Amino acid sequence: MPGEPIRRHVLVTGRVQGVFFRASTRDEARRQGVTGWVRNNPGGTVEAEVQGPPERVEAVVDFCRQGPRFARVTSCDVQEIPVETTESDFEIR
């Protein structure tokens, strides 16, 4: 039985823009059945919020720690944040 939903804020630095990081994260999140969003930030980082069952959220966070094939992640900061109830999908912003 899945646990109560959790939500994580993820900030990824390194070579993470222009390498399909957002699309790959969205695809992984949808495979895992979680909700949230991912976006590029002006400073070259990628930011995401991921919500769902703990083991599925952690699978997406683990993906972010490595990223897609051409990404080079130098750090991945993960913080617990409050659960939201308005989302029904995982989107690129």
PDB file of N, CA and C in Angstrom:
ATOM      1  N   MET A   1       0.853  -1.190   0.000  1.00  0.00           N
ATOM      2  CA  MET A   1       0.000   0.000   0.000  1.00  0.00           C
ATOM      3  C   MET A   1       0.888   1.239   0.000  1.00  0.00           C
ATOM      4  N   PRO A   2       0.673   2.178  -0.931  1.00  0.00           N
ATOM      5  CA  PRO A   2       1.523   3.372  -0.986  1.00  0.00           C
ATOM      6  C   PRO A   2       1.325   4.249   0.242  1.00  0.00           C
ATOM      7  N   GLY A   3       2.390   4.980   0.590  1.00  0.00           N
ATOM      8  CA  GLY A   3       2.307   5.900   1.705  1.00  0.00           C
ATOM      9  C   GLY A   3       1.574   7.170   1.309  1.00  0.00           C
ATOM     10  N   GLU A   4       1.399   8.041   2.278  1.00  0.00           N
ATOM     11  CA  GLU A   4       0.787   9.343   2.015  1.00  0.00           C
ATOM     12  C   GLU A   4       1.649  10.096   1.013  1.00  0.00           C
ATOM     13  N   PRO A   5       1.025  10.895   0.140  1.00  0.00           N
ATOM     14  CA  PRO A   5       1.803  11.648  -0.849  1.00  0.00           C
ATOM     15  C   PRO A   5       2.800  12.593  -0.182  1.00  0.00           C
ATOM     16  N   ILE A   6       3.929  12.768  -0.849  1.00  0.00           N
ATOM     17  CA  ILE A   6       4.932  13.738  -0.421  1.00  0.00           C
ATOM     18  C   ILE A   6       5.214  14.654  -1.607  1.00  0.00           C
ATOM     19  N   ARG A   7       5.861  15.783  -1.337  1.00  0.00           N
ATOM     20  CA  ARG A   7       6.254  16.711  -2.393  1.00  0.00           C
ATOM     21  C   ARG A   7       7.684  17.152  -2.125  1.00  0.00           C
ATOM     22  N   ARG A   8       8.487  17.183  -3.187  1.00  0.00           N
ATOM     23  CA  ARG A   8       9.884  17.590  -3.082  1.00  0.00           C
ATOM     24  C   ARG A   8      10.186  18.697  -4.082  1.00  0.00           C
ATOM     25  N   HIS A   9      10.944  19.673  -3.632  1.00  0.00           N
ATOM     26  CA  HIS A   9      11.480  20.717  -4.507  1.00  0.00           C
ATOM     27  C   HIS A   9      12.906  20.304  -4.838  1.00  0.00           C
ATOM     28  N   VAL A  10      13.249  20.335  -6.134  1.00  0.00           N
ATOM     29  CA  VAL A  10      14.555  19.880  -6.599  1.00  0.00           C
ATOM     30  C   VAL A  10      15.196  21.006  -7.400  1.00  0.00           C
ATOM     31  N   LEU A  11      16.446  21.338  -7.079  1.00  0.00           N
ATOM     32  CA  LEU A  11      17.212  22.330  -7.826  1.00  0.00           C
ATOM     33  C   LEU A  11      18.495  21.659  -8.305  1.00  0.00           C
ATOM     34  N   VAL A  12      18.648  21.575  -9.625  1.00  0.00           N
ATOM     35  CA  VAL A  12      19.757  20.841 -10.218  1.00  0.00           C
ATOM     36  C   VAL A  12      20.697  21.820 -10.914  1.00  0.00           C
ATOM     37  N   THR A  13      21.997  21.693 -10.629  1.00  0.00           N
ATOM     38  CA  THR A  13      22.998  22.542 -11.271  1.00  0.00           C
ATOM     39  C   THR A  13      23.969  21.674 -12.057  1.00  0.00           C
ATOM     40  N   GLY A  14      24.665  22.325 -12.971  1.00  0.00           N
ATOM     41  CA  GLY A  14      25.624  21.642 -13.827  1.00  0.00           C
ATOM     42  C   GLY A  14      25.275  21.929 -15.279  1.00  0.00           C
ATOM     43  N   ARG A  15      25.616  20.998 -16.146  1.00  0.00           N
ATOM     44  CA  ARG A  15      25.231  21.112 -17.558  1.00  0.00           C
ATOM     45  C   ARG A  15      23.859  20.456 -17.695  1.00  0.00           C
ATOM     46  N   VAL A  16      22.828  21.260 -17.422  1.00  0.00           N
ATOM     47  CA  VAL A  16      21.479  20.710 -17.331  1.00  0.00           C
ATOM     48  C   VAL A  16      20.478  21.412 -18.252  1.00  0.00           C
ATOM     49  N   GLN A  17      20.925  22.410 -18.987  1.00  0.00           N
ATOM     50  CA  GLN A  17      20.053  23.044 -19.969  1.00  0.00           C
ATOM     51  C   GLN A  17      20.575  22.723 -21.360  1.00  0.00           C
ATOM     52  N   GLY A  18      19.660  22.539 -22.305  1.00  0.00           N
ATOM     53  CA  GLY A  18      20.053  22.206 -23.665  1.00  0.00           C
ATOM     54  C   GLY A  18      20.428  20.751 -23.856  1.00  0.00           C
ATOM     55  N   VAL A  19      20.065  19.905 -22.888  1.00  0.00           N
ATOM     56  CA  VAL A  19      20.390  18.471 -22.954  1.00  0.00           C
ATOM     57  C   VAL A  19      19.144  17.599 -22.743  1.00  0.00           C
ATOM     58  N   PHE A  20      17.970  18.181 -22.977  1.00  0.00           N
ATOM     59  CA  PHE A  20      16.687  17.486 -22.832  1.00  0.00           C
ATOM     60  C   PHE A  20      16.375  17.080 -21.392  1.00  0.00           C
ATOM     61  N   PHE A  21      16.904  17.849 -20.435  1.00  0.00           N
ATOM     62  CA  PHE A  21      16.683  17.537 -19.024  1.00  0.00           C
ATOM     63  C   PHE A  21      15.205  17.645 -18.669  1.00  0.00           C
ATOM     64  N   ARG A  22      14.553  18.734 -19.081  1.00  0.00           N
ATOM     65  CA  ARG A  22      13.137  18.913 -18.735  1.00  0.00           C
ATOM     66  C   ARG A  22      12.262  17.822 -19.351  1.00  0.00           C
ATOM     67  N   ALA A  23      12.442  17.561 -20.629  1.00  0.00           N
ATOM     68  CA  ALA A  23      11.615  16.543 -21.301  1.00  0.00           C
ATOM     69  C   ALA A  23      11.863  15.161 -20.694  1.00  0.00           C
ATOM     70  N   SER A  24      13.108  14.852 -20.400  1.00  0.00           N
ATOM     71  CA  SER A  24      13.428  13.549 -19.809  1.00  0.00           C
ATOM     72  C   SER A  24      12.850  13.420 -18.403  1.00  0.00           C
ATOM     73  N   THR A  25      12.897  14.510 -17.635  1.00  0.00           N
ATOM     74  CA  THR A  25      12.327  14.493 -16.289  1.00  0.00           C
ATOM     75  C   THR A  25      10.815  14.320 -16.362  1.00  0.00           C
ATOM     76  N   ARG A  26      10.168  15.040 -17.292  1.00  0.00           N
ATOM     77  CA  ARG A  26       8.723  14.890 -17.475  1.00  0.00           C
ATOM     78  C   ARG A  26       8.385  13.440 -17.839  1.00  0.00           C
ATOM     79  N   ASP A  27       9.134  12.861 -18.754  1.00  0.00           N
ATOM     80  CA  ASP A  27       8.867  11.481 -19.168  1.00  0.00           C
ATOM     81  C   ASP A  27       9.012  10.515 -18.002  1.00  0.00           C
ATOM     82  N   GLU A  28      10.063  10.694 -17.197  1.00  0.00           N
ATOM     83  CA  GLU A  28      10.268   9.821 -16.025  1.00  0.00           C
ATOM     84  C   GLU A  28       9.150  10.018 -15.008  1.00  0.00           C
ATOM     85  N   ALA A  29       8.758  11.269 -14.774  1.00  0.00           N
ATOM     86  CA  ALA A  29       7.686  11.555 -13.817  1.00  0.00           C
ATOM     87  C   ALA A  29       6.376  10.908 -14.269  1.00  0.00           C
ATOM     88  N   ARG A  30       6.090  10.991 -15.541  1.00  0.00           N
ATOM     89  CA  ARG A  30       4.860  10.372 -16.060  1.00  0.00           C
ATOM     90  C   ARG A  30       4.935   8.854 -15.967  1.00  0.00           C
ATOM     91  N   ARG A  31       6.103   8.275 -16.213  1.00  0.00           N
ATOM     92  CA  ARG A  31       6.274   6.819 -16.043  1.00  0.00           C
ATOM     93  C   ARG A  31       5.996   6.420 -14.596  1.00  0.00           C
ATOM     94  N   GLN A  32       6.443   7.270 -13.676  1.00  0.00           N
ATOM     95  CA  GLN A  32       6.264   6.971 -12.250  1.00  0.00           C
ATOM     96  C   GLN A  32       4.855   7.319 -11.755  1.00  0.00           C
ATOM     97  N   GLY A  33       4.091   8.070 -12.545  1.00  0.00           N
ATOM     98  CA  GLY A  33       2.730   8.424 -12.154  1.00  0.00           C
ATOM     99  C   GLY A  33       2.654   9.514 -11.103  1.00  0.00           C
ATOM    100  N   VAL A  34       3.631  10.423 -11.097  1.00  0.00           N
ATOM    101  CA  VAL A  34       3.629  11.525 -10.137  1.00  0.00           C
ATOM    102  C   VAL A  34       3.203  12.818 -10.840  1.00  0.00           C
ATOM    103  N   THR A  35       2.896  13.832 -10.043  1.00  0.00           N
ATOM    104  CA  THR A  35       2.508  15.132 -10.578  1.00  0.00           C
ATOM    105  C   THR A  35       3.570  16.164 -10.236  1.00  0.00           C
ATOM    106  N   GLY A  36       3.433  17.359 -10.845  1.00  0.00           N
ATOM    107  CA  GLY A  36       4.355  18.450 -10.566  1.00  0.00           C
ATOM    108  C   GLY A  36       4.758  19.171 -11.826  1.00  0.00           C
ATOM    109  N   TRP A  37       5.954  19.726 -11.807  1.00  0.00           N
ATOM    110  CA  TRP A  37       6.447  20.508 -12.935  1.00  0.00           C
ATOM    111  C   TRP A  37       7.970  20.564 -12.935  1.00  0.00           C
ATOM    112  N   VAL A  38       8.527  20.985 -14.078  1.00  0.00           N
ATOM    113  CA  VAL A  38       9.967  21.189 -14.228  1.00  0.00           C
ATOM    114  C   VAL A  38      10.173  22.400 -15.123  1.00  0.00           C
ATOM    115  N   ARG A  39      11.214  23.198 -14.838  1.00  0.00           N
ATOM    116  CA  ARG A  39      11.492  24.377 -15.665  1.00  0.00           C
ATOM    117  C   ARG A  39      12.975  24.725 -15.631  1.00  0.00           C
ATOM    118  N   ASN A  40      13.405  25.453 -16.669  1.00  0.00           N
ATOM    119  CA  ASN A  40      14.734  26.047 -16.690  1.00  0.00           C
ATOM    120  C   ASN A  40      14.682  27.362 -15.935  1.00  0.00           C
ATOM    121  N   ASN A  41      15.752  27.681 -15.233  1.00  0.00           N
ATOM    122  CA  ASN A  41      15.896  28.969 -14.568  1.00  0.00           C
ATOM    123  C   ASN A  41      16.914  29.820 -15.317  1.00  0.00           C
ATOM    124  N   PRO A  42      16.815  31.141 -15.217  1.00  0.00           N
ATOM    125  CA  PRO A  42      17.736  32.024 -15.941  1.00  0.00           C
ATOM    126  C   PRO A  42      19.218  31.766 -15.645  1.00  0.00           C
ATOM    127  N   GLY A  43      19.559  31.334 -14.457  1.00  0.00           N
ATOM    128  CA  GLY A  43      20.958  31.122 -14.093  1.00  0.00           C
ATOM    129  C   GLY A  43      21.569  29.830 -14.608  1.00  0.00           C
ATOM    130  N   GLY A  44      20.799  29.056 -15.397  1.00  0.00           N
ATOM    131  CA  GLY A  44      21.342  27.820 -15.945  1.00  0.00           C
ATOM    132  C   GLY A  44      20.990  26.573 -15.159  1.00  0.00           C
ATOM    133  N   THR A  45      20.187  26.718 -14.110  1.00  0.00           N
ATOM    134  CA  THR A  45      19.770  25.562 -13.324  1.00  0.00           C
ATOM    135  C   THR A  45      18.433  25.039 -13.840  1.00  0.00           C
ATOM    136  N   VAL A  46      18.084  23.848 -13.389  1.00  0.00           N
ATOM    137  CA  VAL A  46      16.760  23.281 -13.636  1.00  0.00           C
ATOM    138  C   VAL A  46      16.100  23.096 -12.281  1.00  0.00           C
ATOM    139  N   GLU A  47      14.836  23.482 -12.213  1.00  0.00           N
ATOM    140  CA  GLU A  47      14.069  23.408 -10.975  1.00  0.00           C
ATOM    141  C   GLU A  47      12.841  22.541 -11.211  1.00  0.00           C
ATOM    142  N   ALA A  48      12.466  21.744 -10.219  1.00  0.00           N
ATOM    143  CA  ALA A  48      11.283  20.892 -10.342  1.00  0.00           C
ATOM    144  C   ALA A  48      10.604  20.753  -8.990  1.00  0.00           C
ATOM    145  N   GLU A  49       9.314  20.462  -9.047  1.00  0.00           N
ATOM    146  CA  GLU A  49       8.566  20.024  -7.881  1.00  0.00           C
ATOM    147  C   GLU A  49       7.888  18.727  -8.271  1.00  0.00           C
ATOM    148  N   VAL A  50       8.017  17.730  -7.405  1.00  0.00           N
ATOM    149  CA  VAL A  50       7.526  16.381  -7.691  1.00  0.00           C
ATOM    150  C   VAL A  50       6.653  15.931  -6.527  1.00  0.00           C
ATOM    151  N   GLN A  51       5.462  15.392  -6.841  1.00  0.00           N
ATOM    152  CA  GLN A  51       4.533  14.978  -5.795  1.00  0.00           C
ATOM    153  C   GLN A  51       3.918  13.623  -6.116  1.00  0.00           C
ATOM    154  N   GLY A  52       3.790  12.806  -5.089  1.00  0.00           N
ATOM    155  CA  GLY A  52       3.157  11.505  -5.245  1.00  0.00           C
ATOM    156  C   GLY A  52       3.576  10.577  -4.129  1.00  0.00           C
ATOM    157  N   PRO A  53       3.388   9.264  -4.332  1.00  0.00           N
ATOM    158  CA  PRO A  53       3.819   8.287  -3.332  1.00  0.00           C
ATOM    159  C   PRO A  53       5.337   8.389  -3.115  1.00  0.00           C
ATOM    160  N   PRO A  54       5.789   8.253  -1.882  1.00  0.00           N
ATOM    161  CA  PRO A  54       7.207   8.464  -1.572  1.00  0.00           C
ATOM    162  C   PRO A  54       8.187   7.713  -2.470  1.00  0.00           C
ATOM    163  N   GLU A  55       7.945   6.430  -2.736  1.00  0.00           N
ATOM    164  CA  GLU A  55       8.906   5.657  -3.530  1.00  0.00           C
ATOM    165  C   GLU A  55       8.946   6.141  -4.983  1.00  0.00           C
ATOM    166  N   ARG A  56       7.844   6.624  -5.487  1.00  0.00           N
ATOM    167  CA  ARG A  56       7.803   7.121  -6.866  1.00  0.00           C
ATOM    168  C   ARG A  56       8.447   8.508  -6.973  1.00  0.00           C
ATOM    169  N   VAL A  57       8.210   9.348  -5.975  1.00  0.00           N
ATOM    170  CA  VAL A  57       8.867  10.666  -5.939  1.00  0.00           C
ATOM    171  C   VAL A  57      10.378  10.474  -5.852  1.00  0.00           C
ATOM    172  N   GLU A  58      10.815   9.566  -4.996  1.00  0.00           N
ATOM    173  CA  GLU A  58      12.255   9.332  -4.854  1.00  0.00           C
ATOM    174  C   GLU A  58      12.862   8.800  -6.144  1.00  0.00           C
ATOM    175  N   ALA A  59      12.118   8.017  -6.911  1.00  0.00           N
ATOM    176  CA  ALA A  59      12.628   7.534  -8.203  1.00  0.00           C
ATOM    177  C   ALA A  59      12.881   8.702  -9.153  1.00  0.00           C
ATOM    178  N   VAL A  60      11.997   9.685  -9.162  1.00  0.00           N
ATOM    179  CA  VAL A  60      12.190  10.858 -10.019  1.00  0.00           C
ATOM    180  C   VAL A  60      13.343  11.705  -9.500  1.00  0.00           C
ATOM    181  N   VAL A  61      13.442  11.869  -8.198  1.00  0.00           N
ATOM    182  CA  VAL A  61      14.566  12.617  -7.611  1.00  0.00           C
ATOM    183  C   VAL A  61      15.884  11.928  -7.953  1.00  0.00           C
ATOM    184  N   ASP A  62      15.924  10.618  -7.864  1.00  0.00           N
ATOM    185  CA  ASP A  62      17.135   9.876  -8.233  1.00  0.00           C
ATOM    186  C   ASP A  62      17.487  10.110  -9.699  1.00  0.00           C
ATOM    187  N   PHE A  63      16.469  10.143 -10.566  1.00  0.00           N
ATOM    188  CA  PHE A  63      16.721  10.449 -11.970  1.00  0.00           C
ATOM    189  C   PHE A  63      17.357  11.832 -12.102  1.00  0.00           C
ATOM    190  N   CYS A  64      16.843  12.810 -11.367  1.00  0.00           N
ATOM    191  CA  CYS A  64      17.383  14.178 -11.433  1.00  0.00           C
ATOM    192  C   CYS A  64      18.835  14.242 -10.968  1.00  0.00           C
ATOM    193  N   ARG A  65      19.215  13.376 -10.068  1.00  0.00           N
ATOM    194  CA  ARG A  65      20.603  13.370  -9.587  1.00  0.00           C
ATOM    195  C   ARG A  65      21.587  12.982 -10.688  1.00  0.00           C
ATOM    196  N   GLN A  66      21.123  12.270 -11.709  1.00  0.00           N
ATOM    197  CA  GLN A  66      21.981  11.879 -12.829  1.00  0.00           C
ATOM    198  C   GLN A  66      21.619  12.610 -14.102  1.00  0.00           C
ATOM    199  N   GLY A  67      20.329  12.773 -14.352  1.00  0.00           N
ATOM    200  CA  GLY A  67      19.852  13.436 -15.552  1.00  0.00           C
ATOM    201  C   GLY A  67      19.953  12.552 -16.771  1.00  0.00           C
ATOM    202  N   PRO A  68      19.566  13.102 -17.923  1.00  0.00           N
ATOM    203  CA  PRO A  68      19.643  12.340 -19.167  1.00  0.00           C
ATOM    204  C   PRO A  68      21.089  12.181 -19.631  1.00  0.00           C
ATOM    205  N   ARG A  69      21.265  11.473 -20.697  1.00  0.00           N
ATOM    206  CA  ARG A  69      22.580  11.062 -21.184  1.00  0.00           C
ATOM    207  C   ARG A  69      23.620  12.179 -21.281  1.00  0.00           C
ATOM    208  N   PHE A  70      23.273  13.317 -21.846  1.00  0.00           N
ATOM    209  CA  PHE A  70      24.263  14.370 -22.083  1.00  0.00           C
ATOM    210  C   PHE A  70      24.366  15.390 -20.949  1.00  0.00           C
ATOM    211  N   ALA A  71      23.583  15.222 -19.903  1.00  0.00           N
ATOM    212  CA  ALA A  71      23.654  16.127 -18.746  1.00  0.00           C
ATOM    213  C   ALA A  71      24.883  15.801 -17.900  1.00  0.00           C
ATOM    214  N   ARG A  72      25.356  16.810 -17.191  1.00  0.00           N
ATOM    215  CA  ARG A  72      26.431  16.635 -16.211  1.00  0.00           C
ATOM    216  C   ARG A  72      25.997  17.338 -14.934  1.00  0.00           C
ATOM    217  N   VAL A  73      25.368  16.598 -14.042  1.00  0.00           N
ATOM    218  CA  VAL A  73      24.841  17.163 -12.799  1.00  0.00           C
ATOM    219  C   VAL A  73      25.987  17.338 -11.812  1.00  0.00           C
ATOM    220  N   THR A  74      26.142  18.571 -11.301  1.00  0.00           N
ATOM    221  CA  THR A  74      27.171  18.817 -10.288  1.00  0.00           C
ATOM    222  C   THR A  74      26.572  18.878  -8.889  1.00  0.00           C
ATOM    223  N   SER A  75      25.297  19.251  -8.778  1.00  0.00           N
ATOM    224  CA  SER A  75      24.614  19.183  -7.485  1.00  0.00           C
ATOM    225  C   SER A  75      23.120  19.077  -7.688  1.00  0.00           C
ATOM    226  N   CYS A  76      22.473  18.477  -6.707  1.00  0.00           N
ATOM    227  CA  CYS A  76      21.023  18.295  -6.735  1.00  0.00           C
ATOM    228  C   CYS A  76      20.519  18.530  -5.313  1.00  0.00           C
ATOM    229  N   ASP A  77      19.952  19.714  -5.094  1.00  0.00           N
ATOM    230  CA  ASP A  77      19.441  20.097  -3.782  1.00  0.00           C
ATOM    231  C   ASP A  77      17.969  19.701  -3.694  1.00  0.00           C
ATOM    232  N   VAL A  78      17.614  18.923  -2.691  1.00  0.00           N
ATOM    233  CA  VAL A  78      16.246  18.427  -2.546  1.00  0.00           C
ATOM    234  C   VAL A  78      15.703  18.871  -1.195  1.00  0.00           C
ATOM    235  N   GLN A  79      14.507  19.470  -1.230  1.00  0.00           N
ATOM    236  CA  GLN A  79      13.867  19.915   0.008  1.00  0.00           C
ATOM    237  C   GLN A  79      12.425  19.429   0.063  1.00  0.00           C
ATOM    238  N   GLU A  80      11.975  19.094   1.263  1.00  0.00           N
ATOM    239  CA  GLU A  80      10.581  18.708   1.477  1.00  0.00           C
ATOM    240  C   GLU A  80       9.733  19.976   1.496  1.00  0.00           C
ATOM    241  N   ILE A  81       8.621  19.954   0.767  1.00  0.00           N
ATOM    242  CA  ILE A  81       7.697  21.084   0.753  1.00  0.00           C
ATOM    243  C   ILE A  81       6.275  20.555   0.923  1.00  0.00           C
ATOM    244  N   PRO A  82       5.312  21.450   1.233  1.00  0.00           N
ATOM    245  CA  PRO A  82       3.932  20.996   1.456  1.00  0.00           C
ATOM    246  C   PRO A  82       3.296  20.414   0.193  1.00  0.00           C
ATOM    247  N   VAL A  83       2.454  19.413   0.394  1.00  0.00           N
ATOM    248  CA  VAL A  83       1.714  18.777  -0.688  1.00  0.00           C
ATOM    249  C   VAL A  83       0.661  19.753  -1.213  1.00  0.00           C
ATOM    250  N   GLU A  84       0.490  19.767  -2.548  1.00  0.00           N
ATOM    251  CA  GLU A  84      -0.563  20.559  -3.196  1.00  0.00           C
ATOM    252  C   GLU A  84      -1.605  19.601  -3.756  1.00  0.00           C
ATOM    253  N   THR A  85      -2.832  20.066  -3.861  1.00  0.00           N
ATOM    254  CA  THR A  85      -3.891  19.167  -4.324  1.00  0.00           C
ATOM    255  C   THR A  85      -4.471  19.560  -5.675  1.00  0.00           C
ATOM    256  N   THR A  86      -3.911  20.553  -6.358  1.00  0.00           N
ATOM    257  CA  THR A  86      -4.525  21.069  -7.575  1.00  0.00           C
ATOM    258  C   THR A  86      -3.965  20.468  -8.863  1.00  0.00           C
ATOM    259  N   GLU A  87      -2.949  19.651  -8.797  1.00  0.00           N
ATOM    260  CA  GLU A  87      -2.316  19.135 -10.009  1.00  0.00           C
ATOM    261  C   GLU A  87      -2.889  17.787 -10.421  1.00  0.00           C
ATOM    262  N   SER A  88      -2.869  17.547 -11.753  1.00  0.00           N
ATOM    263  CA  SER A  88      -3.314  16.248 -12.238  1.00  0.00           C
ATOM    264  C   SER A  88      -2.309  15.624 -13.194  1.00  0.00           C
ATOM    265  N   ASP A  89      -1.182  16.321 -13.464  1.00  0.00           N
ATOM    266  CA  ASP A  89      -0.203  15.848 -14.430  1.00  0.00           C
ATOM    267  C   ASP A  89       1.160  16.410 -14.055  1.00  0.00           C
ATOM    268  N   PHE A  90       2.178  16.027 -14.807  1.00  0.00           N
ATOM    269  CA  PHE A  90       3.519  16.586 -14.649  1.00  0.00           C
ATOM    270  C   PHE A  90       3.810  17.360 -15.926  1.00  0.00           C
ATOM    271  N   GLU A  91       4.150  18.636 -15.788  1.00  0.00           N
ATOM    272  CA  GLU A  91       4.316  19.487 -16.964  1.00  0.00           C
ATOM    273  C   GLU A  91       5.650  20.210 -16.993  1.00  0.00           C
ATOM    274  N   ILE A  92       6.023  20.606 -18.205  1.00  0.00           N
ATOM    275  CA  ILE A  92       7.180  21.484 -18.396  1.00  0.00           C
ATOM    276  C   ILE A  92       6.654  22.908 -18.364  1.00  0.00           C
ATOM    277  N   ARG A  93       7.295  23.745 -17.567  1.00  0.00           N
ATOM    278  CA  ARG A  93       6.896  25.162 -17.493  1.00  0.00           C
ATOM    279  C   ARG A  93       7.879  26.021 -18.243  1.00  0.00           C
TER     280      ARG A  93
END
